[in-house]
């Protein structure tokens, strides 16, 4: 650093000191410093924007994945409940028809037994069931 610049930097600050620094450093150096600061500011802004965008994208992806997982779980639970209801209803119908079939077979068997008994019993033809 030149002696002139050191003297300017150590002087008490006044409005005219800025112009003194410009004359001491030269316009080219001042523009280079401004450009360097501008580049740093732009880089910082770009990095912040990229980080914010990445965070937003990650949050959106996490929310979308969470929603998809919740929807899949709800669909699976509803499908399982519907399947259980259908299976329960089918079992109920099958039990009912099995019970009816069993009862019908018992009725037919009982009727056949009555007919067999009527044909064997002597009082069947008399119209009275008393011996």
N, C-alpha and C. Protein backbone atom coordinates (compact mmCIF):
# COMPACT_ATOMS: atom_id res chain seq x y z
N UNK A 1 0.85 -1.15 0.00
CA UNK A 1 0.00 0.00 0.00
C UNK A 1 0.91 1.23 0.00
N UNK A 2 0.51 2.21 -0.80
CA UNK A 2 1.34 3.41 -0.88
C UNK A 2 1.13 4.29 0.35
N UNK A 3 2.09 5.17 0.54
CA UNK A 3 2.03 6.07 1.70
C UNK A 3 0.83 6.99 1.61
N UNK A 4 0.50 7.41 0.39
CA UNK A 4 -0.64 8.30 0.20
C UNK A 4 -1.95 7.62 0.62
N UNK A 5 -2.08 6.34 0.26
CA UNK A 5 -3.29 5.60 0.63
C UNK A 5 -3.35 5.42 2.13
N UNK A 6 -2.22 5.11 2.76
CA UNK A 6 -2.19 4.92 4.21
C UNK A 6 -2.57 6.21 4.94
N UNK A 7 -2.09 7.33 4.43
CA UNK A 7 -2.42 8.62 5.04
C UNK A 7 -3.91 8.88 4.90
N UNK A 8 -4.49 8.59 3.74
CA UNK A 8 -5.92 8.83 3.52
C UNK A 8 -6.74 7.93 4.44
N UNK A 9 -6.31 6.67 4.58
CA UNK A 9 -7.06 5.72 5.40
C UNK A 9 -6.99 6.05 6.89
N UNK A 10 -5.92 6.68 7.32
CA UNK A 10 -5.76 7.01 8.74
C UNK A 10 -6.33 8.38 9.10
N UNK A 11 -6.70 9.20 8.10
CA UNK A 11 -7.27 10.52 8.38
C UNK A 11 -8.66 10.36 8.95
N UNK A 12 -9.13 11.34 9.72
CA UNK A 12 -10.53 11.31 10.15
C UNK A 12 -11.43 11.35 8.93
N UNK A 13 -12.53 10.62 9.00
CA UNK A 13 -13.40 10.50 7.81
C UNK A 13 -14.17 11.77 7.59
N UNK A 14 -14.28 12.14 6.33
CA UNK A 14 -15.07 13.29 5.87
C UNK A 14 -15.66 12.90 4.54
N UNK A 15 -16.58 13.68 4.07
CA UNK A 15 -17.21 13.40 2.78
C UNK A 15 -16.21 13.45 1.65
N UNK A 16 -15.21 14.27 1.74
CA UNK A 16 -14.23 14.41 0.66
C UNK A 16 -13.26 13.26 0.63
N UNK A 17 -13.18 12.47 1.73
CA UNK A 17 -12.22 11.38 1.76
C UNK A 17 -12.50 10.33 0.68
N UNK A 18 -13.78 10.12 0.34
CA UNK A 18 -14.11 9.15 -0.70
C UNK A 18 -13.48 9.54 -2.01
N UNK A 19 -13.52 10.80 -2.34
CA UNK A 19 -12.90 11.26 -3.59
C UNK A 19 -11.39 11.14 -3.49
N UNK A 20 -10.83 11.39 -2.29
CA UNK A 20 -9.39 11.23 -2.11
C UNK A 20 -8.99 9.77 -2.37
N UNK A 21 -9.79 8.81 -1.85
CA UNK A 21 -9.49 7.39 -2.07
C UNK A 21 -9.58 7.03 -3.55
N UNK A 22 -10.58 7.59 -4.22
CA UNK A 22 -10.69 7.32 -5.65
C UNK A 22 -9.44 7.80 -6.39
N UNK A 23 -8.97 8.99 -6.03
CA UNK A 23 -7.76 9.50 -6.68
C UNK A 23 -6.54 8.69 -6.28
N UNK A 24 -6.51 8.23 -5.03
CA UNK A 24 -5.34 7.49 -4.56
C UNK A 24 -5.28 6.10 -5.20
N UNK A 25 -6.42 5.41 -5.23
CA UNK A 25 -6.42 4.05 -5.78
C UNK A 25 -6.53 4.04 -7.29
N UNK A 26 -7.23 4.98 -7.84
CA UNK A 26 -7.47 5.00 -9.27
C UNK A 26 -8.84 4.40 -9.56
N UNK A 27 -9.44 4.85 -10.63
CA UNK A 27 -10.80 4.41 -10.99
C UNK A 27 -10.87 2.93 -11.31
N UNK A 28 -9.83 2.43 -11.93
CA UNK A 28 -9.83 1.02 -12.33
C UNK A 28 -9.93 0.10 -11.11
N UNK A 29 -9.17 0.41 -10.07
CA UNK A 29 -9.19 -0.42 -8.87
C UNK A 29 -10.54 -0.33 -8.15
N UNK A 30 -11.13 0.88 -8.14
CA UNK A 30 -12.43 1.05 -7.50
C UNK A 30 -13.50 0.25 -8.23
N UNK A 31 -13.47 0.32 -9.55
CA UNK A 31 -14.43 -0.48 -10.32
C UNK A 31 -14.20 -1.97 -10.10
N UNK A 32 -12.97 -2.39 -10.02
CA UNK A 32 -12.67 -3.80 -9.77
C UNK A 32 -13.19 -4.23 -8.39
N UNK A 33 -13.04 -3.39 -7.39
CA UNK A 33 -13.54 -3.70 -6.05
C UNK A 33 -15.07 -3.78 -6.06
N UNK A 34 -15.70 -2.80 -6.71
CA UNK A 34 -17.16 -2.82 -6.80
C UNK A 34 -17.64 -4.07 -7.52
N UNK A 35 -16.96 -4.41 -8.62
CA UNK A 35 -17.32 -5.60 -9.38
C UNK A 35 -17.13 -6.86 -8.53
N UNK A 36 -16.03 -6.91 -7.76
CA UNK A 36 -15.79 -8.06 -6.89
C UNK A 36 -16.89 -8.20 -5.84
N UNK A 37 -17.27 -7.09 -5.24
CA UNK A 37 -18.35 -7.13 -4.25
C UNK A 37 -19.66 -7.54 -4.92
N UNK A 38 -19.91 -7.01 -6.11
CA UNK A 38 -21.14 -7.36 -6.82
C UNK A 38 -21.16 -8.86 -7.15
N UNK A 39 -20.01 -9.40 -7.58
CA UNK A 39 -19.93 -10.82 -7.90
C UNK A 39 -20.19 -11.65 -6.64
N UNK A 40 -19.61 -11.25 -5.53
CA UNK A 40 -19.82 -11.98 -4.28
C UNK A 40 -21.29 -11.93 -3.88
N UNK A 41 -21.91 -10.76 -4.01
CA UNK A 41 -23.33 -10.63 -3.66
C UNK A 41 -24.18 -11.50 -4.58
N UNK A 42 -23.90 -11.48 -5.86
CA UNK A 42 -24.66 -12.31 -6.81
C UNK A 42 -24.48 -13.79 -6.49
N UNK A 43 -23.24 -14.21 -6.21
CA UNK A 43 -22.99 -15.61 -5.88
C UNK A 43 -23.74 -16.01 -4.60
N UNK A 44 -23.70 -15.15 -3.60
CA UNK A 44 -24.41 -15.44 -2.34
C UNK A 44 -25.91 -15.53 -2.60
N UNK A 45 -26.45 -14.60 -3.37
CA UNK A 45 -27.89 -14.63 -3.68
C UNK A 45 -28.24 -15.90 -4.45
N UNK A 46 -27.42 -16.26 -5.43
CA UNK A 46 -27.69 -17.48 -6.20
C UNK A 46 -27.63 -18.71 -5.30
N UNK A 47 -26.63 -18.78 -4.43
CA UNK A 47 -26.52 -19.92 -3.52
C UNK A 47 -27.72 -19.99 -2.59
N UNK A 48 -28.13 -18.85 -2.05
CA UNK A 48 -29.30 -18.83 -1.17
C UNK A 48 -30.54 -19.26 -1.92
N UNK A 49 -30.73 -18.76 -3.12
CA UNK A 49 -31.89 -19.14 -3.93
C UNK A 49 -31.87 -20.63 -4.23
N UNK A 50 -30.71 -21.15 -4.61
CA UNK A 50 -30.60 -22.59 -4.91
C UNK A 50 -30.91 -23.42 -3.67
N UNK A 51 -30.38 -23.02 -2.53
CA UNK A 51 -30.63 -23.76 -1.29
C UNK A 51 -32.11 -23.70 -0.94
N UNK A 52 -32.71 -22.53 -1.05
CA UNK A 52 -34.14 -22.39 -0.75
C UNK A 52 -34.97 -23.24 -1.71
N UNK A 53 -34.63 -23.20 -2.99
CA UNK A 53 -35.36 -24.00 -3.97
C UNK A 53 -35.19 -25.49 -3.66
N UNK A 54 -33.98 -25.91 -3.32
CA UNK A 54 -33.76 -27.33 -2.98
C UNK A 54 -34.56 -27.71 -1.76
N UNK A 55 -34.59 -26.85 -0.75
CA UNK A 55 -35.37 -27.15 0.46
C UNK A 55 -36.85 -27.24 0.11
N UNK A 56 -37.34 -26.31 -0.71
CA UNK A 56 -38.74 -26.35 -1.10
C UNK A 56 -39.04 -27.61 -1.89
N UNK A 57 -38.16 -27.98 -2.80
CA UNK A 57 -38.36 -29.19 -3.59
C UNK A 57 -38.36 -30.42 -2.68
N UNK A 58 -37.44 -30.48 -1.74
CA UNK A 58 -37.40 -31.61 -0.82
C UNK A 58 -38.67 -31.67 0.02
N UNK A 59 -39.12 -30.51 0.51
CA UNK A 59 -40.35 -30.49 1.30
C UNK A 59 -41.54 -30.93 0.45
N UNK A 60 -41.62 -30.44 -0.78
CA UNK A 60 -42.72 -30.83 -1.67
C UNK A 60 -42.67 -32.33 -1.94
N UNK A 61 -41.48 -32.85 -2.21
CA UNK A 61 -41.35 -34.29 -2.47
C UNK A 61 -41.76 -35.10 -1.24
N UNK A 62 -41.32 -34.66 -0.07
CA UNK A 62 -41.69 -35.37 1.16
C UNK A 62 -43.19 -35.33 1.37
N UNK A 63 -43.80 -34.17 1.14
CA UNK A 63 -45.26 -34.05 1.31
C UNK A 63 -45.98 -34.93 0.29
N UNK A 64 -45.54 -34.92 -0.95
CA UNK A 64 -46.18 -35.75 -1.98
C UNK A 64 -46.04 -37.23 -1.63
N UNK A 65 -44.85 -37.64 -1.22
CA UNK A 65 -44.64 -39.04 -0.84
C UNK A 65 -45.53 -39.40 0.35
N UNK A 66 -45.61 -38.52 1.33
CA UNK A 66 -46.46 -38.78 2.49
C UNK A 66 -47.92 -38.91 2.08
N UNK A 67 -48.39 -38.03 1.20
CA UNK A 67 -49.77 -38.11 0.73
C UNK A 67 -50.02 -39.41 -0.02
N UNK A 68 -49.07 -39.79 -0.88
CA UNK A 68 -49.21 -41.04 -1.63
C UNK A 68 -49.25 -42.23 -0.67
N UNK A 69 -48.38 -42.22 0.33
CA UNK A 69 -48.37 -43.32 1.31
C UNK A 69 -49.70 -43.38 2.05
N UNK A 70 -50.21 -42.23 2.48
CA UNK A 70 -51.49 -42.20 3.19
C UNK A 70 -52.61 -42.71 2.29
N UNK A 71 -52.63 -42.27 1.04
CA UNK A 71 -53.67 -42.72 0.11
C UNK A 71 -53.57 -44.23 -0.11
N UNK A 72 -52.36 -44.74 -0.29
CA UNK A 72 -52.18 -46.19 -0.49
C UNK A 72 -52.65 -46.96 0.74
N UNK A 73 -52.29 -46.47 1.93
CA UNK A 73 -52.70 -47.15 3.16
C UNK A 73 -54.22 -47.13 3.28
N UNK A 74 -54.84 -45.99 3.00
CA UNK A 74 -56.31 -45.90 3.08
C UNK A 74 -56.95 -46.85 2.07
N UNK A 75 -56.43 -46.88 0.85
CA UNK A 75 -56.99 -47.78 -0.17
C UNK A 75 -56.84 -49.24 0.26
N UNK A 76 -55.68 -49.59 0.79
CA UNK A 76 -55.46 -50.97 1.23
C UNK A 76 -56.40 -51.33 2.38
N UNK A 77 -56.55 -50.41 3.34
CA UNK A 77 -57.44 -50.69 4.48
C UNK A 77 -58.89 -50.81 4.01
N UNK A 78 -59.32 -49.91 3.13
CA UNK A 78 -60.69 -49.98 2.63
C UNK A 78 -60.89 -51.25 1.82
N UNK A 79 -59.91 -51.61 0.99
CA UNK A 79 -60.02 -52.84 0.21
C UNK A 79 -60.06 -54.07 1.11
N UNK A 80 -59.24 -54.07 2.15
CA UNK A 80 -59.24 -55.19 3.09
C UNK A 80 -60.58 -55.27 3.82
N UNK A 81 -61.12 -54.13 4.23
CA UNK A 81 -62.42 -54.14 4.91
C UNK A 81 -63.52 -54.62 3.97
N UNK A 82 -63.47 -54.16 2.72
CA UNK A 82 -64.48 -54.60 1.75
C UNK A 82 -64.34 -56.10 1.48
N UNK A 83 -63.11 -56.57 1.35
CA UNK A 83 -62.90 -58.00 1.14
C UNK A 83 -63.39 -58.80 2.34
N UNK A 84 -63.11 -58.31 3.53
CA UNK A 84 -63.59 -59.01 4.73
C UNK A 84 -65.11 -59.03 4.78
N UNK A 85 -65.74 -57.91 4.39
CA UNK A 85 -67.20 -57.88 4.37
C UNK A 85 -67.76 -58.85 3.35
N UNK A 86 -67.14 -58.89 2.17
CA UNK A 86 -67.60 -59.80 1.12
C UNK A 86 -67.42 -61.25 1.57
N UNK A 87 -66.26 -61.53 2.17
CA UNK A 87 -66.00 -62.90 2.64
C UNK A 87 -66.99 -63.28 3.74
N UNK A 88 -67.24 -62.35 4.66
CA UNK A 88 -68.19 -62.62 5.74
C UNK A 88 -69.59 -62.86 5.18
N UNK A 89 -69.99 -62.05 4.21
CA UNK A 89 -71.31 -62.23 3.60
C UNK A 89 -71.37 -63.55 2.86
N UNK A 90 -70.31 -63.89 2.14
CA UNK A 90 -70.29 -65.16 1.42
C UNK A 90 -70.35 -66.32 2.40
N UNK A 91 -69.62 -66.23 3.50
CA UNK A 91 -69.68 -67.29 4.50
C UNK A 91 -71.08 -67.39 5.09
N UNK A 92 -71.71 -66.25 5.32
CA UNK A 92 -73.06 -66.24 5.87
C UNK A 92 -74.03 -66.91 4.90
N UNK A 93 -73.91 -66.55 3.62
CA UNK A 93 -74.79 -67.15 2.61
C UNK A 93 -74.55 -68.65 2.51
N UNK A 94 -73.27 -69.02 2.49
CA UNK A 94 -72.95 -70.45 2.40
C UNK A 94 -73.48 -71.19 3.62
N UNK A 95 -73.32 -70.61 4.81
CA UNK A 95 -73.82 -71.26 6.02
C UNK A 95 -75.33 -71.39 5.97
N UNK A 96 -75.98 -70.31 5.48
CA UNK A 96 -77.44 -70.33 5.39
C UNK A 96 -77.90 -71.44 4.44
N UNK A 97 -77.28 -71.50 3.26
CA UNK A 97 -77.68 -72.53 2.31
C UNK A 97 -77.32 -73.92 2.79
N UNK A 98 -76.17 -74.02 3.46
CA UNK A 98 -75.80 -75.32 4.02
C UNK A 98 -76.81 -75.73 5.08
N UNK A 99 -77.19 -74.76 5.95
CA UNK A 99 -78.17 -75.05 6.99
C UNK A 99 -79.51 -75.42 6.38
N UNK A 100 -79.91 -74.67 5.35
CA UNK A 100 -81.18 -74.97 4.69
C UNK A 100 -81.10 -76.34 4.03
N UNK A 101 -79.99 -76.61 3.39
CA UNK A 101 -79.83 -77.92 2.75
C UNK A 101 -79.85 -79.04 3.77
N UNK A 102 -79.18 -78.81 4.89
CA UNK A 102 -79.17 -79.82 5.94
C UNK A 102 -80.58 -80.02 6.47
N UNK A 103 -81.29 -78.90 6.69
CA UNK A 103 -82.65 -78.97 7.20
C UNK A 103 -83.55 -79.66 6.17
N UNK A 104 -83.38 -79.32 4.89
CA UNK A 104 -84.18 -79.92 3.84
C UNK A 104 -83.93 -81.42 3.76
N UNK A 105 -82.68 -81.80 3.87
CA UNK A 105 -82.37 -83.23 3.86
C UNK A 105 -83.00 -83.92 5.05
N UNK A 106 -82.97 -83.25 6.19
CA UNK A 106 -83.60 -83.83 7.40
C UNK A 106 -85.11 -83.94 7.21
N UNK A 107 -85.73 -82.92 6.59
CA UNK A 107 -87.17 -82.95 6.36
C UNK A 107 -87.54 -84.09 5.41
N UNK A 108 -86.78 -84.20 4.34
CA UNK A 108 -87.06 -85.27 3.38
C UNK A 108 -86.88 -86.63 4.05
N UNK A 109 -85.82 -86.75 4.82
CA UNK A 109 -85.57 -88.01 5.53
C UNK A 109 -86.72 -88.29 6.51
N UNK A 110 -87.16 -87.26 7.22
CA UNK A 110 -88.25 -87.42 8.17
C UNK A 110 -89.54 -87.80 7.44
N UNK A 111 -89.80 -87.15 6.33
CA UNK A 111 -91.01 -87.45 5.55
C UNK A 111 -90.97 -88.89 5.05
N UNK A 112 -89.81 -89.28 4.55
CA UNK A 112 -89.68 -90.68 4.10
C UNK A 112 -89.88 -91.64 5.26
N UNK A 113 -89.39 -91.27 6.42
CA UNK A 113 -89.56 -92.10 7.62
C UNK A 113 -91.04 -92.19 7.98
N UNK A 114 -91.75 -91.07 7.89
CA UNK A 114 -93.20 -91.08 8.18
C UNK A 114 -93.93 -91.97 7.18
N UNK A 115 -93.60 -91.84 5.92
CA UNK A 115 -94.25 -92.67 4.90
C UNK A 115 -93.97 -94.15 5.16
N UNK A 116 -92.75 -94.45 5.53
CA UNK A 116 -92.41 -95.84 5.81
C UNK A 116 -93.21 -96.34 7.01
N UNK A 117 -93.29 -95.48 8.03
CA UNK A 117 -94.05 -95.88 9.21
C UNK A 117 -95.53 -96.05 8.89
N UNK A 118 -96.10 -95.18 8.08
CA UNK A 118 -97.51 -95.28 7.73
C UNK A 118 -97.81 -96.58 6.98
N UNK A 119 -96.88 -96.94 6.13
CA UNK A 119 -97.13 -98.16 5.37
C UNK A 119 -97.03 -99.41 6.25
N UNK A 120 -96.33 -99.31 7.35
CA UNK A 120 -96.14 -100.47 8.22
C UNK A 120 -97.24 -100.54 9.28
N UNK A 121 -97.65 -99.40 9.77
CA UNK A 121 -98.61 -99.37 10.87
C UNK A 121 -100.02 -99.75 10.38
N UNK A 122 -100.73 -100.58 11.14
CA UNK A 122 -102.06 -101.01 10.69
C UNK A 122 -103.13 -99.95 10.84
N UNK A 123 -102.96 -99.02 11.76
CA UNK A 123 -104.02 -98.03 11.99
C UNK A 123 -103.92 -96.82 11.07
N UNK A 124 -102.91 -96.83 10.22
CA UNK A 124 -102.73 -95.68 9.32
C UNK A 124 -103.93 -95.56 8.38
N UNK A 125 -104.45 -96.66 7.91
CA UNK A 125 -105.53 -96.62 6.93
C UNK A 125 -106.88 -96.31 7.58
N UNK A 126 -106.98 -96.40 8.90
CA UNK A 126 -108.26 -96.17 9.56
C UNK A 126 -108.56 -94.70 9.77
N UNK A 127 -107.59 -93.83 9.55
CA UNK A 127 -107.80 -92.40 9.73
C UNK A 127 -107.51 -91.95 11.13
N UNK A 128 -107.18 -92.81 12.04
CA UNK A 128 -106.85 -92.45 13.41
C UNK A 128 -105.43 -92.88 13.70
N UNK A 129 -104.77 -92.07 14.49
CA UNK A 129 -103.39 -92.41 14.82
C UNK A 129 -103.29 -93.14 16.15
N UNK A 130 -104.38 -93.42 16.74
CA UNK A 130 -104.36 -94.16 18.00
C UNK A 130 -104.34 -95.66 17.73
N UNK A 131 -103.65 -96.42 18.54
CA UNK A 131 -103.58 -97.88 18.31
C UNK A 131 -104.87 -98.59 18.67
